[in-house]
Amino acid sequence: MPPPPNRFVTRFVIAVLLTVTNVIGAAVVYALAAWVVPLPGRHDVHIELLNLAVLGGYVPSAVLVGTWLGLRRYRRLDRWIVEERPATDREKTALLAAPRWFAWLHLALWGTAALVFGAVNAPSHVGRAALITWIVFLTGLTVSALAFLIVERRLRRVNRAALVTGLPARRRSRHVAARFGMAWLLSTGASAGGLVVAGLMAVVLGPGATTHVQLGVTMMALGAVVILVGGLTTFLTAQTTADPIRAMRSALTAVGKGRFDIQIGIDDATEIGELQAGFNDMVAGLREREQLRDLFGRHVGVDVAREALTTGVRLGGEVREVTVLFVDVMGSTTMATELDPDRVVALLNRFFDVVIDVIHEHDGWINKFEGDAALAIWGAPVAVAERNTRALAAARVLAARLHAEVPEIAAGVGISGGPVVCGNVGSADRYEYTVIGDAVNEAARLTSVAKEHPERCVANALLLADAGEEAAHWVEREPVIVRGRAAETRIAVPRS
């Protein structure tokens, strides 16, 4: 997590910039009213002094109130910095909404100022009061837009630190078009609006000379053209920029939900077009990576693939307690010589469909296919709760389903358990996750014993001691001597 900026410095800089902006705005209002805009009505020293007194009283009061409210609001935005923890979704949402909140605060203070100055000047001349009110409001609109941009700019480092854990789950997106609107309001809208109002005042409230009327009409017409053409141009430019960004945002949402077949059209020759092309390249890379991960998971097993992606791949092994199931087709050599190859493959595919379904249903992992046999593991590469219970149930169900669903094939199922060595075996260029140990050998050899029992399924009876309720579904038979061993092995078969 990147270190957040100094909270006191950020507060101080924002407070100073906003104060300076408001003071300059107040000075601009006074200069416009005193020397630039021809206000209707006679010059009354008393009214001018009253306006100056209200200005001198209201500006410091508004600055104090705005600073106090702003600091109070900001204290709720950076509490996570003080407590040295990640920002919550609620704090992230409030932080992202801070520029808009400060803009509305300034608009409220300047709107109040417009009403105050309108009320002060109304008794002397209604037209004068209306024009001063409009001047104050337009200046306030400009200052509010500047406040939005200042706060947004100064909070970027704080935003980066807060959003390092991601965007809030529920958020209100801000549009690029709104920023273009702010820029137009600052550069064109406010001044053009003032031009229109000044022309209107010249026509309605000024002397009746034709020159004044023509000048007023000209000012209104030019101002209206600037507002309409400038607004339309800004809107179209904003939409041209915002539309591809919205398309990419929608596509990103789809990619986040696992859709990698997304491709957006490249319809721009600027940096946005390069961004669209880069997005398509990124999705193509993700799609290829997902295909490789899927193939990897199919070849080595999903659990092994997930473990490799999480912890990396290293050669070597570890000792684990596992339960092993081995299933082997009986008479596969005869089947291969007597049947067409297509028929053999079709039968084996039906056989393995049942094997895979049963093993996965009981939370096992198929370690490998060996021609007409399969090896399944419980307990590696990840631990499995009640592995003996699940493995014995899988063996019992597998034998029954193979007999019912693939009667053309006879298969023996052997199951054993104990410590084995498991891990990646091979070289750095090519390796395989495998299990090696006596339990694996015994399970494979018990398949031969299973072929001598009608149940076609034999387990080492020692597993029943830790099989819970599953043990009731099994019955012990006479011990046997498994090939390659001198001592007898207790065995059990599914109860009929």
Protein backbone atom coordinates (compact mmCIF):
# COMPACT_ATOMS: atom_id res chain seq x y z
CA MET A 1 0.00 0.00 0.00
CA PRO A 2 1.57 3.33 -1.03
CA PRO A 3 2.07 5.79 1.83
CA PRO A 4 -0.71 8.41 1.92
CA PRO A 5 0.28 12.09 1.80
CA ASN A 6 0.62 14.15 4.94
CA ARG A 7 -2.98 14.84 5.94
CA PHE A 8 -2.22 18.19 7.58
CA VAL A 9 -0.34 19.47 4.52
CA THR A 10 -3.21 18.38 2.27
CA ARG A 11 -5.77 20.14 4.47
CA PHE A 12 -3.67 23.30 4.67
CA VAL A 13 -3.06 23.50 0.91
CA ILE A 14 -6.74 22.96 0.11
CA ALA A 15 -7.82 25.55 2.67
CA VAL A 16 -5.32 28.15 1.38
CA LEU A 17 -6.18 27.59 -2.29
CA LEU A 18 -9.93 27.76 -1.67
CA THR A 19 -9.56 30.89 0.48
CA VAL A 20 -7.43 32.64 -2.12
CA THR A 21 -9.90 31.65 -4.86
CA ASN A 22 -12.85 33.05 -2.90
CA VAL A 23 -11.06 36.29 -2.04
CA ILE A 24 -10.09 36.81 -5.67
CA GLY A 25 -13.68 36.07 -6.65
CA ALA A 26 -14.94 38.70 -4.22
CA ALA A 27 -12.42 41.22 -5.59
CA VAL A 28 -13.57 40.45 -9.13
CA VAL A 29 -17.19 41.05 -8.13
CA TYR A 30 -16.33 44.42 -6.60
CA ALA A 31 -14.24 45.47 -9.62
CA LEU A 32 -16.99 44.48 -12.06
CA ALA A 33 -19.68 46.28 -10.09
CA ALA A 34 -17.60 49.39 -9.42
CA TRP A 35 -15.75 49.99 -12.69
CA VAL A 36 -16.65 47.55 -15.47
CA VAL A 37 -20.40 46.87 -15.68
CA PRO A 38 -22.54 50.02 -16.11
CA LEU A 39 -25.02 49.64 -13.28
CA PRO A 40 -28.40 51.37 -13.76
CA GLY A 41 -29.58 54.02 -11.32
CA ARG A 42 -27.82 57.05 -9.92
CA HIS A 43 -24.56 56.79 -8.06
CA ASP A 44 -25.41 56.90 -4.36
CA VAL A 45 -22.41 57.11 -2.07
CA HIS A 46 -24.48 55.72 0.76
CA ILE A 47 -25.43 52.58 -1.24
CA GLU A 48 -21.85 52.10 -2.43
CA LEU A 49 -20.51 52.33 1.11
CA LEU A 50 -23.23 49.93 2.27
CA ASN A 51 -22.22 47.44 -0.45
CA LEU A 52 -18.58 47.79 0.54
CA ALA A 53 -19.45 47.24 4.22
CA VAL A 54 -21.52 44.14 3.42
CA LEU A 55 -18.68 42.85 1.23
CA GLY A 56 -16.16 43.43 4.00
CA GLY A 57 -18.34 41.64 6.52
CA TYR A 58 -19.66 38.79 4.43
CA VAL A 59 -16.40 37.63 2.83
CA PRO A 60 -14.51 36.92 6.10
CA SER A 61 -17.63 35.31 7.60
CA ALA A 62 -18.15 33.11 4.56
CA VAL A 63 -14.46 32.14 4.52
CA LEU A 64 -14.62 31.17 8.22
CA VAL A 65 -17.86 29.22 7.82
CA GLY A 66 -16.63 27.50 4.65
CA THR A 67 -13.26 26.62 6.22
CA TRP A 68 -14.90 25.26 9.37
CA LEU A 69 -17.38 23.13 7.40
CA GLY A 70 -14.64 21.98 5.03
CA LEU A 71 -12.28 20.90 7.82
CA ARG A 72 -15.12 19.20 9.64
CA ARG A 73 -15.97 17.29 6.48
CA TYR A 74 -12.33 16.46 5.78
CA ARG A 75 -11.86 14.93 9.24
CA ARG A 76 -14.28 12.20 8.18
CA LEU A 77 -12.35 11.58 4.98
CA ASP A 78 -8.90 10.76 6.37
CA ARG A 79 -9.73 8.90 9.58
CA TRP A 80 -8.35 5.71 8.00
CA ILE A 81 -4.96 7.45 7.61
CA VAL A 82 -4.86 8.26 11.32
CA GLU A 83 -5.85 4.70 12.27
CA GLU A 84 -3.35 3.24 9.76
CA ARG A 85 -5.82 0.88 8.13
CA PRO A 86 -7.34 0.42 4.66
CA ALA A 87 -10.20 2.75 3.82
CA THR A 88 -13.69 1.25 4.04
CA ASP A 89 -16.13 1.37 1.12
CA ARG A 90 -18.05 4.13 2.88
CA GLU A 91 -14.90 6.21 3.34
CA LYS A 92 -13.89 5.66 -0.29
CA THR A 93 -17.33 6.80 -1.46
CA ALA A 94 -17.16 9.92 0.70
CA LEU A 95 -13.64 10.68 -0.55
CA LEU A 96 -14.65 10.39 -4.20
CA ALA A 97 -17.66 12.63 -3.55
CA ALA A 98 -15.59 15.31 -1.74
CA PRO A 99 -14.97 17.58 -4.79
CA ARG A 100 -18.68 17.66 -5.55
CA TRP A 101 -19.49 18.40 -1.89
CA PHE A 102 -17.04 21.32 -1.79
CA ALA A 103 -18.48 22.69 -5.05
CA TRP A 104 -22.00 22.63 -3.62
CA LEU A 105 -20.77 24.28 -0.41
CA HIS A 106 -19.26 27.17 -2.38
CA LEU A 107 -22.35 27.49 -4.53
CA ALA A 108 -24.51 27.72 -1.40
CA LEU A 109 -22.27 30.43 0.14
CA TRP A 110 -22.11 32.45 -3.08
CA GLY A 111 -25.83 31.97 -3.69
CA THR A 112 -26.47 33.39 -0.23
CA ALA A 113 -24.17 36.31 -1.05
CA ALA A 114 -26.12 36.97 -4.26
CA LEU A 115 -29.38 37.13 -2.31
CA VAL A 116 -27.83 39.39 0.36
CA PHE A 117 -26.46 41.88 -2.17
CA GLY A 118 -29.72 41.77 -4.10
CA ALA A 119 -31.62 42.65 -0.93
CA VAL A 120 -29.18 45.46 -0.05
CA ASN A 121 -29.51 47.10 -3.49
CA ALA A 122 -33.22 46.51 -4.14
CA PRO A 123 -34.47 49.58 -2.25
CA SER A 124 -32.37 51.96 -4.39
CA HIS A 125 -32.97 50.38 -7.82
CA VAL A 126 -34.48 46.99 -8.77
CA GLY A 127 -32.49 46.75 -11.99
CA ARG A 128 -29.25 47.48 -10.14
CA ALA A 129 -30.09 44.81 -7.56
CA ALA A 130 -30.87 42.25 -10.29
CA LEU A 131 -27.62 42.92 -12.15
CA ILE A 132 -25.47 42.78 -9.00
CA THR A 133 -27.21 39.55 -7.99
CA TRP A 134 -26.43 38.07 -11.40
CA ILE A 135 -22.79 39.18 -11.26
CA VAL A 136 -22.34 37.64 -7.80
CA PHE A 137 -24.06 34.40 -8.85
CA LEU A 138 -22.00 34.01 -12.03
CA THR A 139 -18.79 34.64 -10.12
CA GLY A 140 -19.91 32.14 -7.49
CA LEU A 141 -20.62 29.59 -10.19
CA THR A 142 -17.08 30.04 -11.51
CA VAL A 143 -15.55 29.84 -8.03
CA SER A 144 -17.58 26.67 -7.28
CA ALA A 145 -16.26 25.05 -10.45
CA LEU A 146 -12.71 26.05 -9.50
CA ALA A 147 -13.26 24.61 -6.00
CA PHE A 148 -14.33 21.31 -7.56
CA LEU A 149 -11.19 21.15 -9.71
CA ILE A 150 -8.86 22.26 -6.88
CA VAL A 151 -10.16 19.69 -4.38
CA GLU A 152 -10.20 16.93 -6.98
CA ARG A 153 -6.61 17.70 -7.94
CA ARG A 154 -5.27 17.94 -4.39
CA LEU A 155 -7.01 14.72 -3.27
CA ARG A 156 -5.58 12.55 -6.02
CA ARG A 157 -2.72 11.20 -3.89
CA VAL A 158 -5.17 10.48 -1.07
CA ASN A 159 -7.49 8.75 -3.54
CA ARG A 160 -4.66 6.58 -4.85
CA ALA A 161 -3.80 5.45 -1.32
CA ALA A 162 -7.45 4.82 -0.44
CA LEU A 163 -8.29 2.97 -3.66
CA VAL A 164 -5.28 0.65 -3.60
CA THR A 165 -7.69 -2.05 -2.36
CA GLY A 166 -10.14 -1.31 -5.18
CA LEU A 167 -13.11 0.92 -5.91
CA PRO A 168 -16.08 0.86 -3.52
CA ALA A 169 -18.64 -1.82 -4.35
CA ARG A 170 -21.45 0.70 -4.70
CA ARG A 171 -20.36 3.97 -6.20
CA ARG A 172 -21.64 6.78 -8.33
CA SER A 173 -19.46 7.16 -11.39
CA ARG A 174 -18.34 10.61 -12.49
CA HIS A 175 -18.38 11.27 -16.19
CA VAL A 176 -15.69 12.83 -18.35
CA ALA A 177 -18.42 15.02 -19.84
CA ALA A 178 -18.84 16.72 -16.43
CA ARG A 179 -15.20 17.83 -16.49
CA PHE A 180 -15.63 19.24 -19.98
CA GLY A 181 -18.68 21.07 -18.71
CA MET A 182 -16.65 22.54 -15.86
CA ALA A 183 -13.96 23.68 -18.29
CA TRP A 184 -16.55 25.29 -20.57
CA LEU A 185 -18.24 26.98 -17.62
CA LEU A 186 -14.93 28.47 -16.47
CA SER A 187 -13.69 29.52 -19.90
CA THR A 188 -16.83 30.54 -21.76
CA GLY A 189 -20.15 30.03 -20.03
CA ALA A 190 -19.84 32.49 -17.15
CA SER A 191 -18.41 35.34 -19.19
CA ALA A 192 -20.89 34.80 -22.04
CA GLY A 193 -23.75 34.73 -19.56
CA GLY A 194 -22.57 38.03 -18.13
CA LEU A 195 -22.39 39.48 -21.64
CA VAL A 196 -26.01 38.49 -22.32
CA VAL A 197 -27.27 39.96 -19.06
CA ALA A 198 -25.31 43.20 -19.58
CA GLY A 199 -26.89 43.54 -23.04
CA LEU A 200 -30.33 42.82 -21.59
CA MET A 201 -29.83 45.51 -18.97
CA ALA A 202 -28.71 47.99 -21.63
CA VAL A 203 -31.89 47.38 -23.60
CA VAL A 204 -34.39 47.26 -20.75
CA LEU A 205 -32.98 49.65 -18.21
CA GLY A 206 -30.64 51.91 -20.21
CA PRO A 207 -31.53 55.15 -22.01
CA GLY A 208 -33.72 54.81 -25.08
CA ALA A 209 -31.13 55.87 -27.65
CA THR A 210 -30.94 53.67 -30.72
CA THR A 211 -27.20 53.18 -30.27
CA HIS A 212 -27.65 51.77 -26.78
CA VAL A 213 -30.42 49.46 -27.95
CA GLN A 214 -28.37 48.21 -30.90
CA LEU A 215 -25.35 47.71 -28.64
CA GLY A 216 -27.46 45.77 -26.16
CA VAL A 217 -29.01 43.60 -28.86
CA THR A 218 -25.58 42.93 -30.33
CA MET A 219 -24.21 41.90 -26.92
CA MET A 220 -27.14 39.56 -26.32
CA ALA A 221 -26.89 38.00 -29.76
CA LEU A 222 -23.13 37.45 -29.55
CA GLY A 223 -23.42 36.10 -26.01
CA ALA A 224 -26.20 33.72 -27.00
CA VAL A 225 -24.18 32.48 -29.99
CA VAL A 226 -21.13 31.91 -27.76
CA ILE A 227 -23.21 30.01 -25.21
CA LEU A 228 -25.05 27.85 -27.75
CA VAL A 229 -22.13 27.11 -30.07
CA GLY A 230 -19.61 26.75 -27.23
CA GLY A 231 -21.97 24.55 -25.21
CA LEU A 232 -22.84 22.35 -28.19
CA THR A 233 -19.19 22.01 -29.22
CA THR A 234 -18.13 21.14 -25.68
CA PHE A 235 -20.98 18.63 -25.34
CA LEU A 236 -20.11 16.87 -28.60
CA THR A 237 -16.42 16.81 -27.72
CA ALA A 238 -17.22 15.41 -24.28
CA GLN A 239 -19.45 12.72 -25.76
CA THR A 240 -16.77 11.80 -28.30
CA THR A 241 -14.38 11.23 -25.42
CA ALA A 242 -16.85 9.70 -22.98
CA ASP A 243 -18.52 7.15 -25.31
CA PRO A 244 -15.43 4.94 -25.87
CA ILE A 245 -14.56 5.21 -22.19
CA ARG A 246 -18.06 4.03 -21.24
CA ALA A 247 -17.71 1.16 -23.72
CA MET A 248 -14.40 0.13 -22.15
CA ARG A 249 -15.88 0.39 -18.66
CA SER A 250 -18.75 -1.91 -19.70
CA ALA A 251 -16.27 -4.31 -21.30
CA LEU A 252 -14.11 -4.30 -18.18
CA THR A 253 -17.15 -5.24 -16.10
CA ALA A 254 -17.81 -8.17 -18.44
CA VAL A 255 -14.15 -9.29 -18.26
CA GLY A 256 -14.33 -9.08 -14.46
CA LYS A 257 -17.25 -11.54 -14.60
CA GLY A 258 -15.15 -14.03 -16.56
CA ARG A 259 -16.07 -13.19 -20.15
CA PHE A 260 -12.95 -13.18 -22.30
CA ASP A 261 -14.66 -13.10 -25.69
CA ILE A 262 -15.10 -9.32 -25.43
CA GLN A 263 -13.63 -7.07 -28.12
CA ILE A 264 -14.35 -3.37 -28.47
CA GLY A 265 -14.24 -1.46 -31.72
CA ILE A 266 -11.36 0.94 -32.35
CA ASP A 267 -12.97 4.15 -33.56
CA ASP A 268 -10.45 6.83 -32.59
CA ALA A 269 -7.04 7.84 -33.94
CA THR A 270 -5.95 9.54 -30.70
CA GLU A 271 -4.61 8.08 -27.47
CA ILE A 272 -8.12 6.75 -26.82
CA GLY A 273 -7.78 4.57 -29.94
CA GLU A 274 -4.44 3.30 -28.63
CA LEU A 275 -6.15 2.58 -25.31
CA GLN A 276 -8.89 0.63 -27.11
CA ALA A 277 -6.31 -1.39 -29.04
CA GLY A 278 -4.37 -2.01 -25.83
CA PHE A 279 -7.56 -3.19 -24.12
CA ASN A 280 -8.23 -5.69 -26.91
CA ASP A 281 -4.63 -6.95 -26.69
CA MET A 282 -4.99 -7.31 -22.93
CA VAL A 283 -8.22 -9.30 -23.25
CA ALA A 284 -6.64 -11.50 -25.93
CA GLY A 285 -3.77 -12.22 -23.55
CA LEU A 286 -6.18 -12.99 -20.71
CA ARG A 287 -8.17 -15.26 -23.02
CA GLU A 288 -5.05 -17.19 -24.00
CA ARG A 289 -3.95 -17.36 -20.36
CA GLU A 290 -7.37 -18.69 -19.33
CA GLN A 291 -7.23 -21.32 -22.08
CA LEU A 292 -3.78 -22.39 -20.94
CA ARG A 293 -4.95 -22.51 -17.32
CA ASP A 294 -7.97 -24.58 -18.36
CA LEU A 295 -5.77 -27.00 -20.31
CA PHE A 296 -3.29 -27.09 -17.44
CA GLY A 297 -6.10 -27.91 -15.03
CA ARG A 298 -7.44 -30.64 -17.29
CA HIS A 299 -4.01 -32.27 -17.59
CA VAL A 300 -2.81 -32.10 -14.01
CA GLY A 301 -6.07 -31.54 -12.11
CA VAL A 302 -7.70 -28.35 -10.91
CA ASP A 303 -6.27 -28.61 -7.37
CA VAL A 304 -2.72 -29.07 -8.63
CA ALA A 305 -3.14 -26.21 -11.09
CA ARG A 306 -4.50 -23.88 -8.39
CA GLU A 307 -1.70 -24.85 -6.01
CA ALA A 308 0.91 -24.19 -8.72
CA LEU A 309 -0.59 -20.81 -9.61
CA THR A 310 -0.75 -19.81 -5.94
CA THR A 311 2.61 -21.01 -4.63
CA GLY A 312 4.62 -21.52 -7.81
CA VAL A 313 6.17 -24.72 -9.10
CA ARG A 314 9.19 -26.37 -7.54
CA LEU A 315 10.64 -29.82 -7.95
CA GLY A 316 10.63 -32.01 -4.89
CA GLY A 317 8.09 -33.65 -2.65
CA GLU A 318 6.65 -34.09 0.80
CA VAL A 319 5.17 -36.93 2.84
CA ARG A 320 1.38 -36.88 3.19
CA GLU A 321 -1.25 -39.22 4.60
CA VAL A 322 -3.57 -40.06 1.70
CA THR A 323 -6.22 -42.51 0.59
CA VAL A 324 -5.65 -44.05 -2.84
CA LEU A 325 -8.17 -45.57 -5.26
CA PHE A 326 -7.04 -47.53 -8.29
CA VAL A 327 -9.44 -48.76 -11.00
CA ASP A 328 -8.29 -51.07 -13.78
CA VAL A 329 -10.11 -52.62 -16.74
CA MET A 330 -10.11 -56.43 -16.87
CA GLY A 331 -9.22 -58.09 -20.17
CA SER A 332 -8.23 -54.88 -21.93
CA THR A 333 -5.73 -56.68 -24.14
CA THR A 334 -8.41 -59.04 -25.48
CA MET A 335 -10.79 -56.11 -25.97
CA ALA A 336 -8.17 -54.19 -27.96
CA THR A 337 -7.52 -57.12 -30.30
CA GLU A 338 -11.15 -58.18 -30.85
CA LEU A 339 -12.86 -54.80 -31.27
CA ASP A 340 -12.39 -51.94 -33.72
CA PRO A 341 -10.18 -49.13 -32.40
CA ASP A 342 -13.10 -46.67 -32.54
CA ARG A 343 -15.22 -49.05 -30.48
CA VAL A 344 -12.44 -49.49 -27.92
CA VAL A 345 -11.96 -45.73 -27.56
CA ALA A 346 -15.71 -45.15 -27.24
CA LEU A 347 -15.99 -47.78 -24.48
CA LEU A 348 -13.01 -46.37 -22.60
CA ASN A 349 -14.44 -42.85 -22.83
CA ARG A 350 -17.73 -44.06 -21.32
CA PHE A 351 -15.72 -45.86 -18.65
CA PHE A 352 -13.69 -42.77 -17.77
CA ASP A 353 -16.78 -40.53 -17.82
CA VAL A 354 -18.18 -42.56 -14.94
CA VAL A 355 -14.83 -42.65 -13.14
CA ILE A 356 -14.34 -38.88 -13.35
CA ASP A 357 -17.91 -38.13 -12.31
CA VAL A 358 -17.80 -40.35 -9.23
CA ILE A 359 -14.32 -39.25 -8.08
CA HIS A 360 -15.16 -35.55 -8.38
CA GLU A 361 -18.54 -36.05 -6.73
CA HIS A 362 -16.72 -37.42 -3.67
CA ASP A 363 -14.05 -34.66 -3.61
CA GLY A 364 -11.23 -36.82 -4.91
CA TRP A 365 -8.50 -35.88 -7.36
CA ILE A 366 -7.58 -38.00 -10.38
CA ASN A 367 -3.80 -38.07 -10.44
CA LYS A 368 -3.34 -39.84 -13.76
CA PHE A 369 -4.81 -42.06 -16.45
CA GLU A 370 -2.73 -45.07 -17.43
CA GLY A 371 -4.21 -46.47 -20.64
CA ASP A 372 -7.16 -48.45 -19.26
CA ALA A 373 -6.61 -47.54 -15.58
CA ALA A 374 -6.95 -44.48 -13.37
CA LEU A 375 -5.41 -43.42 -10.06
CA ALA A 376 -7.38 -41.17 -7.68
CA ILE A 377 -6.12 -39.51 -4.51
CA TRP A 378 -7.72 -38.03 -1.38
CA GLY A 379 -5.40 -35.86 0.73
CA ALA A 380 -2.98 -34.46 -1.86
CA PRO A 381 -2.15 -31.88 -3.09
CA VAL A 382 -4.69 -30.38 -0.68
CA ALA A 383 -6.05 -31.90 2.50
CA VAL A 384 -9.53 -33.49 2.41
CA ALA A 385 -11.70 -33.87 5.48
CA GLU A 386 -12.91 -37.42 6.19
CA ARG A 387 -10.82 -38.75 3.31
CA ASN A 388 -11.34 -42.43 4.17
CA THR A 389 -15.12 -41.98 4.31
CA ARG A 390 -15.22 -40.17 0.97
CA ALA A 391 -12.81 -42.54 -0.76
CA LEU A 392 -14.61 -45.71 0.39
CA ALA A 393 -17.97 -44.25 -0.66
CA ALA A 394 -16.50 -43.35 -4.05
CA ALA A 395 -15.13 -46.89 -4.53
CA ARG A 396 -18.48 -48.48 -3.62
CA VAL A 397 -20.50 -46.16 -5.88
CA LEU A 398 -17.98 -46.46 -8.71
CA ALA A 399 -18.14 -50.26 -8.77
CA ALA A 400 -21.95 -50.18 -8.83
CA ARG A 401 -22.19 -47.54 -11.55
CA LEU A 402 -19.61 -49.22 -13.80
CA HIS A 403 -21.54 -52.46 -13.56
CA ALA A 404 -24.82 -50.70 -14.40
CA GLU A 405 -23.71 -48.12 -16.97
CA VAL A 406 -20.79 -49.81 -18.76
CA PRO A 407 -21.63 -53.50 -18.57
CA GLU A 408 -19.44 -54.22 -21.62
CA ILE A 409 -16.37 -53.54 -19.48
CA ALA A 410 -15.35 -55.41 -16.33
CA ALA A 411 -13.16 -53.39 -13.99
CA GLY A 412 -11.60 -53.95 -10.60
CA VAL A 413 -11.44 -51.25 -7.94
CA GLY A 414 -8.77 -51.31 -5.23
CA ILE A 415 -8.44 -48.86 -2.35
CA SER A 416 -5.74 -48.38 0.26
CA GLY A 417 -4.24 -45.64 2.38
CA GLY A 418 -1.19 -44.48 4.25
CA PRO A 419 1.85 -42.19 3.96
CA VAL A 420 3.13 -41.46 0.45
CA VAL A 421 5.65 -39.10 -1.10
CA CYS A 422 3.92 -36.59 -3.36
CA GLY A 423 5.30 -33.71 -5.39
CA ASN A 424 6.67 -32.60 -8.74
CA VAL A 425 8.96 -35.17 -10.32
CA GLY A 426 10.95 -34.61 -13.51
CA SER A 427 13.12 -31.73 -14.70
CA ALA A 428 12.71 -27.96 -14.84
CA ASP A 429 11.52 -28.31 -18.47
CA ARG A 430 9.03 -31.11 -17.95
CA TYR A 431 7.64 -32.48 -14.72
CA GLU A 432 4.62 -34.27 -13.33
CA TYR A 433 2.86 -34.17 -9.99
CA THR A 434 2.81 -37.75 -8.76
CA VAL A 435 2.42 -39.88 -5.63
CA ILE A 436 4.81 -42.68 -4.69
CA GLY A 437 4.43 -45.12 -1.83
CA ASP A 438 3.25 -48.46 -0.52
CA ALA A 439 -0.41 -47.33 -0.44
CA VAL A 440 -0.32 -46.70 -4.20
CA ASN A 441 1.23 -50.11 -4.89
CA GLU A 442 -1.26 -51.86 -2.62
CA ALA A 443 -4.28 -50.17 -4.23
CA ALA A 444 -3.06 -51.22 -7.68
CA ARG A 445 -2.55 -54.83 -6.55
CA LEU A 446 -5.94 -54.96 -4.82
CA THR A 447 -7.56 -54.46 -8.23
CA SER A 448 -6.34 -57.95 -9.11
CA VAL A 449 -7.91 -59.26 -5.90
CA ALA A 450 -11.14 -57.41 -6.77
CA LYS A 451 -11.40 -59.34 -10.01
CA GLU A 452 -11.85 -62.52 -7.91
CA HIS A 453 -14.86 -61.11 -6.03
CA PRO A 454 -18.31 -60.49 -7.53
CA GLU A 455 -18.41 -56.97 -6.06
CA ARG A 456 -15.36 -56.05 -8.20
CA CYS A 457 -14.27 -53.73 -5.36
CA VAL A 458 -11.79 -54.48 -2.54
CA ALA A 459 -10.43 -52.17 0.17
CA ASN A 460 -7.83 -52.53 2.87
CA ALA A 461 -10.05 -53.25 5.88
CA LEU A 462 -7.92 -50.99 8.12
CA LEU A 463 -9.53 -47.98 6.45
CA LEU A 464 -12.92 -48.88 7.97
CA ALA A 465 -11.76 -47.85 11.44
CA ASP A 466 -11.77 -44.20 10.34
CA ALA A 467 -14.69 -44.30 7.89
CA GLY A 468 -17.56 -43.28 10.16
CA GLU A 469 -21.01 -44.35 8.95
CA GLU A 470 -19.54 -45.51 5.63
CA ALA A 471 -18.02 -48.54 7.41
CA ALA A 472 -21.51 -50.03 7.77
CA HIS A 473 -21.66 -50.43 3.98
CA TRP A 474 -18.65 -52.77 3.98
CA VAL A 475 -18.01 -56.30 5.18
CA GLU A 476 -14.69 -58.03 5.81
CA ARG A 477 -13.59 -61.09 3.87
CA GLU A 478 -10.84 -63.61 4.44
CA PRO A 479 -7.38 -61.98 4.51
CA VAL A 480 -5.29 -62.43 1.38
CA ILE A 481 -1.65 -62.30 0.52
CA VAL A 482 -1.21 -59.49 -2.00
CA ARG A 483 1.29 -60.04 -4.78
CA GLY A 484 4.76 -58.92 -3.73
CA ARG A 485 4.06 -59.27 0.02
CA ALA A 486 4.66 -62.01 2.54
CA ALA A 487 2.16 -60.96 5.22
CA GLU A 488 -1.59 -61.22 4.89
CA THR A 489 -3.73 -58.12 4.20
CA ARG A 490 -7.17 -57.72 5.75
CA ILE A 491 -9.67 -56.83 3.05
CA ALA A 492 -13.28 -55.65 2.85
CA VAL A 493 -15.86 -55.50 0.07
CA PRO A 494 -19.12 -53.55 -0.30
CA ARG A 495 -22.02 -55.16 1.56
CA SER A 496 -24.56 -56.71 -0.82
